[in-house]
Amino acid sequence: MTVMAGQVWVSLISLGGVVLGGVLSYLVQHRTQLSAERAEQQRQQIALSEARRGERLALLERFIEVGAEAERCAFSRPSEWERTDAWFLTTRDVMNRLWVAERLIRIQFPLPVHDAARGYFLDLNRTVWEGLPDGESVRDYLEDNRLAFLDAARAVMG
């Protein structure tokens, strides 16, 4: 009987070892799967962040590019113009594109960046359509809000 009891104990211990090994294997696999899922979520988050950063950079480039076109329109503004003049037609298209880009800045960026872009847009719009008093420089008039916008954008983009 003792031999049989010893065999039972050996079998139970062996079975316990198999069960313990199975539980430990399950726990390791479960933890590995959770870790892999977390790593995949982090990769997706990084990819999304990079895509958004790329969109923001493209939007900044668009706003700056159209702003530069609008500044050129302001520099070349004739003292007298009609709604049928080539300058007016070109400038109207440029200012419309700048208006759209400024609105997109509001959607994609925090309000401080949009506020700076809006200030620059309003100054530029006034300069293009109304002109400046004699002796006042277009570049000097636009410089403060242009730099405020660029500084705000740089702060957000890091």
C-alpha atoms as a PDB file:
ATOM      1  CA  MET A   1       0.000   0.000   0.000  1.00  0.00           C
ATOM      2  CA  THR A   2       2.767   2.337   0.696  1.00  0.00           C
ATOM      3  CA  VAL A   3       4.088   1.718  -2.754  1.00  0.00           C
ATOM      4  CA  MET A   4       0.703   2.547  -4.180  1.00  0.00           C
ATOM      5  CA  ALA A   5       0.381   5.651  -2.016  1.00  0.00           C
ATOM      6  CA  GLY A   6       3.827   6.727  -3.181  1.00  0.00           C
ATOM      7  CA  GLN A   7       2.797   6.274  -6.801  1.00  0.00           C
ATOM      8  CA  VAL A   8      -0.331   8.338  -6.209  1.00  0.00           C
ATOM      9  CA  TRP A   9       1.739  11.096  -4.680  1.00  0.00           C
ATOM     10  CA  VAL A  10       4.188  11.029  -7.576  1.00  0.00           C
ATOM     11  CA  SER A  11       1.296  11.191 -10.038  1.00  0.00           C
ATOM     12  CA  LEU A  12      -0.359  14.056  -8.129  1.00  0.00           C
ATOM     13  CA  ILE A  13       2.895  15.985  -7.910  1.00  0.00           C
ATOM     14  CA  SER A  14       3.479  15.402 -11.626  1.00  0.00           C
ATOM     15  CA  LEU A  15      -0.062  16.524 -12.409  1.00  0.00           C
ATOM     16  CA  GLY A  16       0.400  19.571 -10.171  1.00  0.00           C
ATOM     17  CA  GLY A  17       3.623  20.410 -12.032  1.00  0.00           C
ATOM     18  CA  VAL A  18       1.830  20.165 -15.381  1.00  0.00           C
ATOM     19  CA  VAL A  19      -1.025  22.355 -14.117  1.00  0.00           C
ATOM     20  CA  LEU A  20       1.390  24.885 -12.626  1.00  0.00           C
ATOM     21  CA  GLY A  21       3.425  24.921 -15.846  1.00  0.00           C
ATOM     22  CA  GLY A  22       0.270  25.416 -17.903  1.00  0.00           C
ATOM     23  CA  VAL A  23      -0.913  28.290 -15.696  1.00  0.00           C
ATOM     24  CA  LEU A  24       2.484  29.967 -15.839  1.00  0.00           C
ATOM     25  CA  SER A  25       2.642  29.493 -19.613  1.00  0.00           C
ATOM     26  CA  TYR A  26      -0.839  31.019 -19.984  1.00  0.00           C
ATOM     27  CA  LEU A  27       0.101  34.003 -17.807  1.00  0.00           C
ATOM     28  CA  VAL A  28       3.298  34.637 -19.779  1.00  0.00           C
ATOM     29  CA  GLN A  29       1.479  34.391 -23.102  1.00  0.00           C
ATOM     30  CA  HIS A  30      -1.289  36.669 -21.844  1.00  0.00           C
ATOM     31  CA  ARG A  31       1.219  39.271 -20.630  1.00  0.00           C
ATOM     32  CA  THR A  32       3.139  39.026 -23.904  1.00  0.00           C
ATOM     33  CA  GLN A  33      -0.059  39.552 -25.878  1.00  0.00           C
ATOM     34  CA  LEU A  34      -1.010  42.578 -23.760  1.00  0.00           C
ATOM     35  CA  SER A  35       2.476  43.998 -24.195  1.00  0.00           C
ATOM     36  CA  ALA A  36       2.323  43.483 -27.965  1.00  0.00           C
ATOM     37  CA  GLU A  37      -1.099  45.171 -28.095  1.00  0.00           C
ATOM     38  CA  ARG A  38       0.213  48.138 -26.105  1.00  0.00           C
ATOM     39  CA  ALA A  39       3.231  48.424 -28.379  1.00  0.00           C
ATOM     40  CA  GLU A  40       0.959  48.353 -31.448  1.00  0.00           C
ATOM     41  CA  GLN A  41      -1.265  51.042 -29.948  1.00  0.00           C
ATOM     42  CA  GLN A  42       1.805  53.178 -29.272  1.00  0.00           C
ATOM     43  CA  ARG A  43       3.010  52.678 -32.856  1.00  0.00           C
ATOM     44  CA  GLN A  44      -0.413  53.681 -34.166  1.00  0.00           C
ATOM     45  CA  GLN A  45      -0.483  56.733 -31.884  1.00  0.00           C
ATOM     46  CA  ILE A  46       2.981  57.776 -33.045  1.00  0.00           C
ATOM     47  CA  ALA A  47       1.979  57.285 -36.689  1.00  0.00           C
ATOM     48  CA  LEU A  48      -1.162  59.371 -36.139  1.00  0.00           C
ATOM     49  CA  SER A  49       0.833  62.094 -34.388  1.00  0.00           C
ATOM     50  CA  GLU A  50       3.356  62.180 -37.228  1.00  0.00           C
ATOM     51  CA  ALA A  51       0.555  62.346 -39.811  1.00  0.00           C
ATOM     52  CA  ARG A  52      -1.066  65.240 -37.941  1.00  0.00           C
ATOM     53  CA  ARG A  53       2.278  66.994 -37.659  1.00  0.00           C
ATOM     54  CA  GLY A  54       2.764  66.576 -41.404  1.00  0.00           C
ATOM     55  CA  GLU A  55      -0.697  68.035 -42.050  1.00  0.00           C
ATOM     56  CA  ARG A  56       0.063  70.972 -39.777  1.00  0.00           C
ATOM     57  CA  LEU A  57       3.403  71.629 -41.463  1.00  0.00           C
ATOM     58  CA  ALA A  58       1.752  71.511 -44.887  1.00  0.00           C
ATOM     59  CA  LEU A  59      -0.914  73.927 -43.695  1.00  0.00           C
ATOM     60  CA  LEU A  60       1.679  76.306 -42.260  1.00  0.00           C
ATOM     61  CA  GLU A  61       3.593  76.164 -45.513  1.00  0.00           C
ATOM     62  CA  ARG A  62       0.405  76.896 -47.449  1.00  0.00           C
ATOM     63  CA  PHE A  63      -0.518  79.849 -45.223  1.00  0.00           C
ATOM     64  CA  ILE A  64       2.996  81.312 -45.383  1.00  0.00           C
ATOM     65  CA  GLU A  65       3.199  80.819 -49.146  1.00  0.00           C
ATOM     66  CA  VAL A  66      -0.170  82.452 -49.837  1.00  0.00           C
ATOM     67  CA  GLY A  67       0.671  85.191 -47.315  1.00  0.00           C
ATOM     68  CA  ALA A  68       3.830  85.933 -49.273  1.00  0.00           C
ATOM     69  CA  GLU A  69       1.784  86.130 -52.484  1.00  0.00           C
ATOM     70  CA  ALA A  70      -0.623  88.523 -50.769  1.00  0.00           C
ATOM     71  CA  GLU A  71       2.290  90.658 -49.575  1.00  0.00           C
ATOM     72  CA  ARG A  72       3.556  90.854 -53.151  1.00  0.00           C
ATOM     73  CA  CYS A  73       0.061  91.998 -54.160  1.00  0.00           C
ATOM     74  CA  ALA A  74       0.216  94.665 -51.447  1.00  0.00           C
ATOM     75  CA  PHE A  75       3.626  95.837 -52.664  1.00  0.00           C
ATOM     76  CA  SER A  76       2.387  96.061 -56.249  1.00  0.00           C
ATOM     77  CA  ARG A  77      -0.932  97.714 -55.334  1.00  0.00           C
ATOM     78  CA  PRO A  78      -1.710 100.495 -57.796  1.00  0.00           C
ATOM     79  CA  SER A  79      -3.012 103.774 -56.373  1.00  0.00           C
ATOM     80  CA  GLU A  80      -6.107 103.468 -58.572  1.00  0.00           C
ATOM     81  CA  TRP A  81      -7.666 100.195 -59.666  1.00  0.00           C
ATOM     82  CA  GLU A  82     -10.913  98.842 -61.057  1.00  0.00           C
ATOM     83  CA  ARG A  83     -12.650  95.514 -60.457  1.00  0.00           C
ATOM     84  CA  THR A  84     -11.738  94.458 -63.982  1.00  0.00           C
ATOM     85  CA  ASP A  85      -7.997  95.162 -63.648  1.00  0.00           C
ATOM     86  CA  ALA A  86      -5.595  92.216 -63.770  1.00  0.00           C
ATOM     87  CA  TRP A  87      -4.169  93.262 -60.385  1.00  0.00           C
ATOM     88  CA  PHE A  88      -7.613  93.088 -58.772  1.00  0.00           C
ATOM     89  CA  LEU A  89      -8.477  89.712 -60.295  1.00  0.00           C
ATOM     90  CA  THR A  90      -5.182  88.161 -59.240  1.00  0.00           C
ATOM     91  CA  THR A  91      -5.292  89.734 -55.789  1.00  0.00           C
ATOM     92  CA  ARG A  92      -8.876  88.647 -55.167  1.00  0.00           C
ATOM     93  CA  ASP A  93      -7.932  85.020 -55.875  1.00  0.00           C
ATOM     94  CA  VAL A  94      -4.875  85.252 -53.632  1.00  0.00           C
ATOM     95  CA  MET A  95      -6.834  86.824 -50.769  1.00  0.00           C
ATOM     96  CA  ASN A  96      -9.558  84.193 -51.071  1.00  0.00           C
ATOM     97  CA  ARG A  97      -6.929  81.445 -50.792  1.00  0.00           C
ATOM     98  CA  LEU A  98      -5.385  83.226 -47.802  1.00  0.00           C
ATOM     99  CA  TRP A  99      -8.808  83.453 -46.133  1.00  0.00           C
ATOM    100  CA  VAL A 100      -9.327  79.692 -46.573  1.00  0.00           C
ATOM    101  CA  ALA A 101      -5.839  78.916 -45.245  1.00  0.00           C
ATOM    102  CA  GLU A 102      -6.479  81.145 -42.226  1.00  0.00           C
ATOM    103  CA  ARG A 103      -9.710  79.255 -41.484  1.00  0.00           C
ATOM    104  CA  LEU A 104      -7.894  75.945 -41.727  1.00  0.00           C
ATOM    105  CA  ILE A 105      -5.351  77.249 -39.215  1.00  0.00           C
ATOM    106  CA  ARG A 106      -8.266  77.699 -36.811  1.00  0.00           C
ATOM    107  CA  ILE A 107      -9.318  74.077 -37.293  1.00  0.00           C
ATOM    108  CA  GLN A 108      -5.873  72.501 -36.987  1.00  0.00           C
ATOM    109  CA  PHE A 109      -4.119  74.667 -34.389  1.00  0.00           C
ATOM    110  CA  PRO A 110      -4.743  75.965 -30.878  1.00  0.00           C
ATOM    111  CA  LEU A 111      -6.409  79.376 -30.612  1.00  0.00           C
ATOM    112  CA  PRO A 112      -3.219  81.364 -29.885  1.00  0.00           C
ATOM    113  CA  VAL A 113      -1.828  80.313 -33.283  1.00  0.00           C
ATOM    114  CA  HIS A 114      -5.103  81.137 -35.007  1.00  0.00           C
ATOM    115  CA  ASP A 115      -5.340  84.494 -33.243  1.00  0.00           C
ATOM    116  CA  ALA A 116      -1.862  85.400 -34.485  1.00  0.00           C
ATOM    117  CA  ALA A 117      -2.711  84.199 -38.008  1.00  0.00           C
ATOM    118  CA  ARG A 118      -5.953  86.172 -37.892  1.00  0.00           C
ATOM    119  CA  GLY A 119      -4.128  89.358 -36.864  1.00  0.00           C
ATOM    120  CA  TYR A 120      -1.686  88.922 -39.728  1.00  0.00           C
ATOM    121  CA  PHE A 121      -4.510  88.196 -42.173  1.00  0.00           C
ATOM    122  CA  LEU A 122      -6.497  91.271 -41.102  1.00  0.00           C
ATOM    123  CA  ASP A 123      -3.449  93.539 -41.412  1.00  0.00           C
ATOM    124  CA  LEU A 124      -2.636  92.083 -44.796  1.00  0.00           C
ATOM    125  CA  ASN A 125      -6.245  92.365 -45.961  1.00  0.00           C
ATOM    126  CA  ARG A 126      -6.354  96.026 -44.932  1.00  0.00           C
ATOM    127  CA  THR A 127      -3.031  96.722 -46.625  1.00  0.00           C
ATOM    128  CA  VAL A 128      -4.059  95.032 -49.867  1.00  0.00           C
ATOM    129  CA  TRP A 129      -7.498  96.587 -50.254  1.00  0.00           C
ATOM    130  CA  GLU A 130      -7.190  99.930 -48.493  1.00  0.00           C
ATOM    131  CA  GLY A 131      -3.488 100.644 -48.814  1.00  0.00           C
ATOM    132  CA  LEU A 132      -1.364 102.418 -46.242  1.00  0.00           C
ATOM    133  CA  PRO A 133      -0.848 106.101 -45.569  1.00  0.00           C
ATOM    134  CA  ASP A 134       1.973 107.696 -47.531  1.00  0.00           C
ATOM    135  CA  GLY A 135       5.358 107.028 -46.066  1.00  0.00           C
ATOM    136  CA  GLU A 136       4.318 103.856 -44.210  1.00  0.00           C
ATOM    137  CA  SER A 137       6.096 100.673 -45.271  1.00  0.00           C
ATOM    138  CA  VAL A 138       4.094  97.535 -46.091  1.00  0.00           C
ATOM    139  CA  ARG A 139       6.862  95.352 -44.685  1.00  0.00           C
ATOM    140  CA  ASP A 140       7.079  97.325 -41.432  1.00  0.00           C
ATOM    141  CA  TYR A 141       3.296  97.401 -41.024  1.00  0.00           C
ATOM    142  CA  LEU A 142       2.983  93.620 -41.406  1.00  0.00           C
ATOM    143  CA  GLU A 143       6.158  92.615 -39.549  1.00  0.00           C
ATOM    144  CA  ASP A 144       4.802  92.456 -35.969  1.00  0.00           C
ATOM    145  CA  ASN A 145       1.816  90.221 -36.697  1.00  0.00           C
ATOM    146  CA  ARG A 146       3.790  88.077 -39.157  1.00  0.00           C
ATOM    147  CA  LEU A 147       6.452  87.416 -36.531  1.00  0.00           C
ATOM    148  CA  ALA A 148       3.818  86.827 -33.830  1.00  0.00           C
ATOM    149  CA  PHE A 149       2.221  84.189 -36.057  1.00  0.00           C
ATOM    150  CA  LEU A 150       5.530  82.503 -36.859  1.00  0.00           C
ATOM    151  CA  ASP A 151       6.535  82.478 -33.187  1.00  0.00           C
ATOM    152  CA  ALA A 152       3.183  81.016 -32.103  1.00  0.00           C
ATOM    153  CA  ALA A 153       3.405  78.331 -34.806  1.00  0.00           C
ATOM    154  CA  ARG A 154       6.973  77.445 -33.794  1.00  0.00           C
ATOM    155  CA  ALA A 155       5.942  77.149 -30.147  1.00  0.00           C
ATOM    156  CA  VAL A 156       3.170  74.705 -31.023  1.00  0.00           C
ATOM    157  CA  MET A 157       5.201  72.656 -33.479  1.00  0.00           C
ATOM    158  CA  GLY A 158       8.078  72.288 -31.048  1.00  0.00           C
END
